């Protein structure tokens, strides 16, 4: 089926898929918090999951040559293209050549 779609159609399908997965991810976070409480949600298992999720996103952006380098500006670009940058209202501040501050201004959860 993918091969029969135009580039524009495929883009729209993939964009819809990304929005749908993001909605499902955020909804599952909310359900976990409601069921187990915020303390359990912030436990080691979830922290490990989030680290793996972020790491996988970063590796894929590099593999696709969308982001190159490991300097602060490259990391900022990666964050702009991450699920946080695409779906949330975030603010990124370059504090130094080694430090970035990322703030979520308006969370969709």
Foldseek 3Di string as FASTA:
>chain_A
DVVVDDPVRNVVVVVVVLVVVVVVVVVVLVVCCVVPNPVVCPDPVNVVVVVVLLVVLVVVCVVVVVADDDWPVSVVSSCCVDCCNVPFDWDWDDPDRPDIDIDGPGDPD
